[in-house]
Amino acid sequence: MGGYSRAVVTAPDMDIGFKSILDALHDGVYVVSPDHTIVYWSEGAERITGYSPDEVVGRRCDDAILAHTDLTGRSLCAGGCPIRHCMDAGRPHDVREVFLKRKDGRRLAVYVKTTVLEIEGRRHGVEVFGELESVAGKELVARIQELSDSAVTDPLTGLFNRRYLDAVLAQQFAMYRRLGRRYGIIQMDVDVLKEINDRLGHATGDEA
């Protein structure tokens, strides 16, 4: 999509013709209300992310659904969210490359464009996103994926590291506080790992 202009539609238009047009796009599209609740989720969005409309419509976009991060692994939901920036500024936001989390847990490199949509006098946000392979080439995507993964994963285990955990916990805590729900954290550690390292060396401890 080349550029965006400020659009004004009515609720009936959104329900019938407008949704049909968006569903026909190859890219993913979703619309959020003024309080950032997802009110529309296109067929393209379902294809790219694995999430169906029933799973996301009615939830806030910052409820760790897609868990957008930049190329360094920094969470964008806590700050730097493209769609929030667009809605606050009241104008389109340029293309940028980010990562989102698919339903299967895989992180996917995508490009994102956002714009403002007026529905019955209320400002909504629209995000259009597509797989980065379609605009940047698979070699670039692989390199970006490698750099991003190294920022949020442990090189030994391949599991997400403290940086990623902090970002996810911040999103979850914000959601629970907003909903007024109680929450707890369970922390687990390997028994006597320090003794293994001290007696048998860190190489053996790493294997443990």
C-alpha atoms as a PDB file:
ATOM      1  CA  MET A   1       0.000   0.000   0.000  1.00  0.00           C
ATOM      2  CA  GLY A   2       1.653   3.191  -1.153  1.00  0.00           C
ATOM      3  CA  GLY A   3       0.257   5.852   1.163  1.00  0.00           C
ATOM      4  CA  TYR A   4      -2.597   6.573   3.494  1.00  0.00           C
ATOM      5  CA  SER A   5      -5.074   9.408   3.695  1.00  0.00           C
ATOM      6  CA  ARG A   6      -7.327  10.195   6.606  1.00  0.00           C
ATOM      7  CA  ALA A   7     -10.476   8.112   6.105  1.00  0.00           C
ATOM      8  CA  VAL A   8     -13.971   8.694   7.433  1.00  0.00           C
ATOM      9  CA  VAL A   9     -16.422   5.792   7.398  1.00  0.00           C
ATOM     10  CA  THR A  10     -19.586   4.918   9.230  1.00  0.00           C
ATOM     11  CA  ALA A  11     -20.152   1.808  11.329  1.00  0.00           C
ATOM     12  CA  PRO A  12     -22.360   0.146   8.656  1.00  0.00           C
ATOM     13  CA  ASP A  13     -19.634   0.739   6.053  1.00  0.00           C
ATOM     14  CA  MET A  14     -17.140  -0.907   8.371  1.00  0.00           C
ATOM     15  CA  ASP A  15     -19.430  -3.876   8.916  1.00  0.00           C
ATOM     16  CA  ILE A  16     -20.096  -4.645   5.250  1.00  0.00           C
ATOM     17  CA  GLY A  17     -18.100  -3.189   2.379  1.00  0.00           C
ATOM     18  CA  PHE A  18     -15.012  -2.011   4.200  1.00  0.00           C
ATOM     19  CA  LYS A  19     -14.399  -5.361   5.900  1.00  0.00           C
ATOM     20  CA  SER A  20     -14.789  -7.174   2.577  1.00  0.00           C
ATOM     21  CA  ILE A  21     -12.109  -4.993   1.023  1.00  0.00           C
ATOM     22  CA  LEU A  22      -9.686  -5.519   3.908  1.00  0.00           C
ATOM     23  CA  ASP A  23     -10.280  -9.281   3.948  1.00  0.00           C
ATOM     24  CA  ALA A  24      -9.282  -9.403   0.281  1.00  0.00           C
ATOM     25  CA  LEU A  25      -5.812  -7.984   1.024  1.00  0.00           C
ATOM     26  CA  HIS A  26      -2.809 -10.301   1.205  1.00  0.00           C
ATOM     27  CA  ASP A  27      -1.428  -8.293   4.133  1.00  0.00           C
ATOM     28  CA  GLY A  28      -2.766  -8.539   7.657  1.00  0.00           C
ATOM     29  CA  VAL A  29      -4.987  -5.712   8.910  1.00  0.00           C
ATOM     30  CA  TYR A  30      -6.477  -4.997  12.300  1.00  0.00           C
ATOM     31  CA  VAL A  31      -8.393  -2.052  13.718  1.00  0.00           C
ATOM     32  CA  VAL A  32      -8.357  -0.884  17.329  1.00  0.00           C
ATOM     33  CA  SER A  33     -10.860   1.358  19.103  1.00  0.00           C
ATOM     34  CA  PRO A  34      -9.875   4.547  20.999  1.00  0.00           C
ATOM     35  CA  ASP A  35      -9.103   2.440  24.100  1.00  0.00           C
ATOM     36  CA  HIS A  36      -6.934   0.097  21.970  1.00  0.00           C
ATOM     37  CA  THR A  37      -9.425  -2.775  21.960  1.00  0.00           C
ATOM     38  CA  ILE A  38      -9.200  -4.838  18.771  1.00  0.00           C
ATOM     39  CA  VAL A  39     -12.506  -4.468  16.905  1.00  0.00           C
ATOM     40  CA  TYR A  40     -11.558  -6.009  13.557  1.00  0.00           C
ATOM     41  CA  TRP A  41      -9.104  -8.739  12.527  1.00  0.00           C
ATOM     42  CA  SER A  42      -8.704  -9.551   8.836  1.00  0.00           C
ATOM     43  CA  GLU A  43      -8.307 -12.904   7.136  1.00  0.00           C
ATOM     44  CA  GLY A  44      -4.763 -11.885   6.210  1.00  0.00           C
ATOM     45  CA  ALA A  45      -3.979 -11.211   9.874  1.00  0.00           C
ATOM     46  CA  GLU A  46      -5.221 -14.690  10.749  1.00  0.00           C
ATOM     47  CA  ARG A  47      -3.135 -16.282   8.005  1.00  0.00           C
ATOM     48  CA  ILE A  48       0.078 -14.521   9.062  1.00  0.00           C
ATOM     49  CA  THR A  49      -0.265 -14.855  12.842  1.00  0.00           C
ATOM     50  CA  GLY A  50      -2.318 -18.027  13.298  1.00  0.00           C
ATOM     51  CA  TYR A  51      -4.801 -16.180  15.531  1.00  0.00           C
ATOM     52  CA  SER A  52      -8.475 -16.269  14.497  1.00  0.00           C
ATOM     53  CA  PRO A  53     -10.762 -13.238  14.970  1.00  0.00           C
ATOM     54  CA  ASP A  54     -12.538 -15.037  17.830  1.00  0.00           C
ATOM     55  CA  GLU A  55      -9.236 -15.217  19.711  1.00  0.00           C
ATOM     56  CA  VAL A  56      -8.313 -11.533  19.476  1.00  0.00           C
ATOM     57  CA  VAL A  57     -11.378  -9.348  18.843  1.00  0.00           C
ATOM     58  CA  GLY A  58     -12.430  -7.769  22.125  1.00  0.00           C
ATOM     59  CA  ARG A  59      -8.926  -7.920  23.600  1.00  0.00           C
ATOM     60  CA  ARG A  60      -6.555  -4.977  23.864  1.00  0.00           C
ATOM     61  CA  CYS A  61      -3.707  -4.921  21.377  1.00  0.00           C
ATOM     62  CA  ASP A  62      -1.165  -4.613  24.218  1.00  0.00           C
ATOM     63  CA  ASP A  63      -2.354  -7.793  25.981  1.00  0.00           C
ATOM     64  CA  ALA A  64       0.742  -9.703  24.799  1.00  0.00           C
ATOM     65  CA  ILE A  65      -1.058 -11.144  21.773  1.00  0.00           C
ATOM     66  CA  LEU A  66       1.484 -10.245  19.103  1.00  0.00           C
ATOM     67  CA  ALA A  67       4.099  -8.957  21.582  1.00  0.00           C
ATOM     68  CA  HIS A  68       5.761  -6.610  19.077  1.00  0.00           C
ATOM     69  CA  THR A  69       9.503  -6.091  19.553  1.00  0.00           C
ATOM     70  CA  ASP A  70      12.026  -4.027  17.630  1.00  0.00           C
ATOM     71  CA  LEU A  71      15.080  -5.522  15.942  1.00  0.00           C
ATOM     72  CA  THR A  72      17.021  -5.477  19.234  1.00  0.00           C
ATOM     73  CA  GLY A  73      14.318  -7.411  21.097  1.00  0.00           C
ATOM     74  CA  ARG A  74      12.936  -4.387  22.978  1.00  0.00           C
ATOM     75  CA  SER A  75       9.202  -4.604  23.658  1.00  0.00           C
ATOM     76  CA  LEU A  76       7.173  -2.004  21.751  1.00  0.00           C
ATOM     77  CA  CYS A  77       3.992  -2.546  23.776  1.00  0.00           C
ATOM     78  CA  ALA A  78       5.524  -0.815  26.799  1.00  0.00           C
ATOM     79  CA  GLY A  79       6.852   2.065  24.690  1.00  0.00           C
ATOM     80  CA  GLY A  80       7.236   2.862  20.998  1.00  0.00           C
ATOM     81  CA  CYS A  81       4.042   1.143  19.828  1.00  0.00           C
ATOM     82  CA  PRO A  82       3.478   2.167  16.165  1.00  0.00           C
ATOM     83  CA  ILE A  83      -0.327   2.122  16.319  1.00  0.00           C
ATOM     84  CA  ARG A  84      -0.441   4.042  19.617  1.00  0.00           C
ATOM     85  CA  HIS A  85       1.964   6.646  18.244  1.00  0.00           C
ATOM     86  CA  CYS A  86      -0.182   6.994  15.132  1.00  0.00           C
ATOM     87  CA  MET A  87      -3.391   7.469  17.134  1.00  0.00           C
ATOM     88  CA  ASP A  88      -1.794   9.978  19.493  1.00  0.00           C
ATOM     89  CA  ALA A  89      -0.382  11.996  16.593  1.00  0.00           C
ATOM     90  CA  GLY A  90      -3.517  11.697  14.468  1.00  0.00           C
ATOM     91  CA  ARG A  91      -1.572  10.900  11.315  1.00  0.00           C
ATOM     92  CA  PRO A  92      -0.092   7.885   9.482  1.00  0.00           C
ATOM     93  CA  HIS A  93       3.110   6.281  10.694  1.00  0.00           C
ATOM     94  CA  ASP A  94       5.831   5.295   8.241  1.00  0.00           C
ATOM     95  CA  VAL A  95       6.845   1.738   7.459  1.00  0.00           C
ATOM     96  CA  ARG A  96       9.098   0.076  10.010  1.00  0.00           C
ATOM     97  CA  GLU A  97      10.402  -3.431  10.540  1.00  0.00           C
ATOM     98  CA  VAL A  98       9.429  -5.214  13.755  1.00  0.00           C
ATOM     99  CA  PHE A  99       8.955  -8.713  15.092  1.00  0.00           C
ATOM    100  CA  LEU A 100       5.655 -10.206  16.202  1.00  0.00           C
ATOM    101  CA  LYS A 101       4.879 -13.443  18.014  1.00  0.00           C
ATOM    102  CA  ARG A 102       2.748 -15.969  16.155  1.00  0.00           C
ATOM    103  CA  LYS A 103       0.253 -18.222  17.912  1.00  0.00           C
ATOM    104  CA  ASP A 104       2.700 -21.128  17.605  1.00  0.00           C
ATOM    105  CA  GLY A 105       5.316 -19.088  19.483  1.00  0.00           C
ATOM    106  CA  ARG A 106       7.510 -18.409  16.465  1.00  0.00           C
ATOM    107  CA  ARG A 107       8.746 -14.851  16.112  1.00  0.00           C
ATOM    108  CA  LEU A 108       8.181 -13.416  12.644  1.00  0.00           C
ATOM    109  CA  ALA A 109       9.824 -10.430  10.953  1.00  0.00           C
ATOM    110  CA  VAL A 110       7.178  -8.108   9.485  1.00  0.00           C
ATOM    111  CA  TYR A 111       6.842  -4.596   8.130  1.00  0.00           C
ATOM    112  CA  VAL A 112       4.212  -2.378   9.726  1.00  0.00           C
ATOM    113  CA  LYS A 113       2.280   0.679   8.531  1.00  0.00           C
ATOM    114  CA  THR A 114      -0.318   2.437  10.640  1.00  0.00           C
ATOM    115  CA  THR A 115      -2.951   5.058   9.966  1.00  0.00           C
ATOM    116  CA  VAL A 116      -5.951   6.746  11.571  1.00  0.00           C
ATOM    117  CA  LEU A 117      -9.558   5.838  10.830  1.00  0.00           C
ATOM    118  CA  GLU A 118     -12.526   7.937  11.958  1.00  0.00           C
ATOM    119  CA  ILE A 119     -15.615   5.854  12.765  1.00  0.00           C
ATOM    120  CA  GLU A 120     -18.647   7.864  13.880  1.00  0.00           C
ATOM    121  CA  GLY A 121     -16.416  10.711  15.002  1.00  0.00           C
ATOM    122  CA  ARG A 122     -14.106   8.524  17.114  1.00  0.00           C
ATOM    123  CA  ARG A 123     -10.459   8.007  16.280  1.00  0.00           C
ATOM    124  CA  HIS A 124      -9.499   4.394  15.624  1.00  0.00           C
ATOM    125  CA  GLY A 125      -6.111   2.979  14.717  1.00  0.00           C
ATOM    126  CA  VAL A 126      -5.351   0.693  11.783  1.00  0.00           C
ATOM    127  CA  GLU A 127      -2.258  -1.470  11.441  1.00  0.00           C
ATOM    128  CA  VAL A 128      -1.315  -3.103   8.151  1.00  0.00           C
ATOM    129  CA  PHE A 129       1.471  -5.670   8.343  1.00  0.00           C
ATOM    130  CA  GLY A 130       3.071  -8.213   6.065  1.00  0.00           C
ATOM    131  CA  GLU A 131       5.857 -10.756   6.134  1.00  0.00           C
ATOM    132  CA  LEU A 132       9.189  -9.054   5.604  1.00  0.00           C
ATOM    133  CA  GLU A 133      10.207 -11.672   3.044  1.00  0.00           C
ATOM    134  CA  SER A 134       7.882 -10.012   0.579  1.00  0.00           C
ATOM    135  CA  VAL A 135       9.800  -6.720   0.653  1.00  0.00           C
ATOM    136  CA  ALA A 136      13.319  -7.364   1.902  1.00  0.00           C
ATOM    137  CA  GLY A 137      14.416 -10.781   0.747  1.00  0.00           C
ATOM    138  CA  LYS A 138      15.019 -13.954   2.705  1.00  0.00           C
ATOM    139  CA  GLU A 139      18.727 -13.304   3.264  1.00  0.00           C
ATOM    140  CA  LEU A 140      18.024  -9.998   5.033  1.00  0.00           C
ATOM    141  CA  VAL A 141      15.258 -11.571   7.089  1.00  0.00           C
ATOM    142  CA  ALA A 142      17.561 -14.379   8.209  1.00  0.00           C
ATOM    143  CA  ARG A 143      20.218 -11.887   9.302  1.00  0.00           C
ATOM    144  CA  ILE A 144      17.733  -9.728  11.183  1.00  0.00           C
ATOM    145  CA  GLN A 145      16.262 -12.818  12.816  1.00  0.00           C
ATOM    146  CA  GLU A 146      19.740 -13.909  13.917  1.00  0.00           C
ATOM    147  CA  LEU A 147      20.552 -10.506  15.420  1.00  0.00           C
ATOM    148  CA  SER A 148      17.198 -10.216  17.148  1.00  0.00           C
ATOM    149  CA  ASP A 149      17.284 -13.753  18.521  1.00  0.00           C
ATOM    150  CA  SER A 150      20.750 -13.182  19.954  1.00  0.00           C
ATOM    151  CA  ALA A 151      19.379 -10.239  21.934  1.00  0.00           C
ATOM    152  CA  VAL A 152      16.555 -12.163  23.591  1.00  0.00           C
ATOM    153  CA  THR A 153      17.738 -15.783  23.719  1.00  0.00           C
ATOM    154  CA  ASP A 154      20.389 -17.618  25.701  1.00  0.00           C
ATOM    155  CA  PRO A 155      23.112 -18.930  23.348  1.00  0.00           C
ATOM    156  CA  LEU A 156      23.595 -22.091  25.423  1.00  0.00           C
ATOM    157  CA  THR A 157      20.008 -23.286  25.796  1.00  0.00           C
ATOM    158  CA  GLY A 158      18.253 -21.391  23.007  1.00  0.00           C
ATOM    159  CA  LEU A 159      15.612 -20.337  25.525  1.00  0.00           C
ATOM    160  CA  PHE A 160      14.418 -16.769  26.015  1.00  0.00           C
ATOM    161  CA  ASN A 161      16.699 -14.785  28.326  1.00  0.00           C
ATOM    162  CA  ARG A 162      16.172 -12.316  31.167  1.00  0.00           C
ATOM    163  CA  ARG A 163      15.680  -9.403  28.761  1.00  0.00           C
ATOM    164  CA  TYR A 164      12.774 -11.103  27.028  1.00  0.00           C
ATOM    165  CA  LEU A 165      11.307 -12.268  30.336  1.00  0.00           C
ATOM    166  CA  ASP A 166      11.394  -8.724  31.724  1.00  0.00           C
ATOM    167  CA  ALA A 167       9.545  -7.408  28.658  1.00  0.00           C
ATOM    168  CA  VAL A 168       6.863 -10.105  28.809  1.00  0.00           C
ATOM    169  CA  LEU A 169       6.374  -9.710  32.568  1.00  0.00           C
ATOM    170  CA  ALA A 170       6.006  -5.940  32.187  1.00  0.00           C
ATOM    171  CA  GLN A 171       3.219  -6.496  29.642  1.00  0.00           C
ATOM    172  CA  GLN A 172       1.465  -9.064  31.823  1.00  0.00           C
ATOM    173  CA  PHE A 173       1.723  -6.978  34.996  1.00  0.00           C
ATOM    174  CA  ALA A 174       0.259  -3.975  33.183  1.00  0.00           C
ATOM    175  CA  MET A 175      -2.644  -6.087  31.916  1.00  0.00           C
ATOM    176  CA  TYR A 176      -3.414  -7.603  35.348  1.00  0.00           C
ATOM    177  CA  ARG A 177      -3.256  -4.207  37.056  1.00  0.00           C
ATOM    178  CA  ARG A 178      -5.612  -2.768  34.467  1.00  0.00           C
ATOM    179  CA  LEU A 179      -8.058  -5.648  34.959  1.00  0.00           C
ATOM    180  CA  GLY A 180      -7.696  -5.601  38.737  1.00  0.00           C
ATOM    181  CA  ARG A 181      -6.638  -9.245  38.849  1.00  0.00           C
ATOM    182  CA  ARG A 182      -4.292 -10.858  41.332  1.00  0.00           C
ATOM    183  CA  TYR A 183      -1.252 -12.658  40.020  1.00  0.00           C
ATOM    184  CA  GLY A 184       1.780 -14.592  41.226  1.00  0.00           C
ATOM    185  CA  ILE A 185       5.153 -15.717  39.925  1.00  0.00           C
ATOM    186  CA  ILE A 186       6.760 -19.135  40.283  1.00  0.00           C
ATOM    187  CA  GLN A 187      10.543 -19.190  39.973  1.00  0.00           C
ATOM    188  CA  MET A 188      12.418 -22.453  39.472  1.00  0.00           C
ATOM    189  CA  ASP A 189      16.119 -23.213  39.565  1.00  0.00           C
ATOM    190  CA  VAL A 190      18.329 -26.269  39.162  1.00  0.00           C
ATOM    191  CA  ASP A 191      19.209 -27.854  42.512  1.00  0.00           C
ATOM    192  CA  VAL A 192      22.844 -27.655  43.666  1.00  0.00           C
ATOM    193  CA  LEU A 193      23.935 -26.081  40.372  1.00  0.00           C
ATOM    194  CA  LYS A 194      26.551 -24.008  42.183  1.00  0.00           C
ATOM    195  CA  GLU A 195      28.025 -27.135  43.756  1.00  0.00           C
ATOM    196  CA  ILE A 196      28.197 -28.812  40.341  1.00  0.00           C
ATOM    197  CA  ASN A 197      30.005 -25.792  38.893  1.00  0.00           C
ATOM    198  CA  ASP A 198      32.406 -25.590  41.845  1.00  0.00           C
ATOM    199  CA  ARG A 199      33.259 -29.294  41.933  1.00  0.00           C
ATOM    200  CA  LEU A 200      33.035 -30.387  38.303  1.00  0.00           C
ATOM    201  CA  GLY A 201      33.500 -27.164  36.359  1.00  0.00           C
ATOM    202  CA  HIS A 202      31.211 -24.846  34.414  1.00  0.00           C
ATOM    203  CA  ALA A 203      31.243 -27.051  31.308  1.00  0.00           C
ATOM    204  CA  THR A 204      29.594 -29.833  33.305  1.00  0.00           C
ATOM    205  CA  GLY A 205      27.273 -27.298  34.906  1.00  0.00           C
ATOM    206  CA  ASP A 206      26.214 -26.127  31.452  1.00  0.00           C
ATOM    207  CA  GLU A 207      25.339 -29.693  30.493  1.00  0.00           C
ATOM    208  CA  ALA A 208      23.302 -30.029  33.683  1.00  0.00           C
END
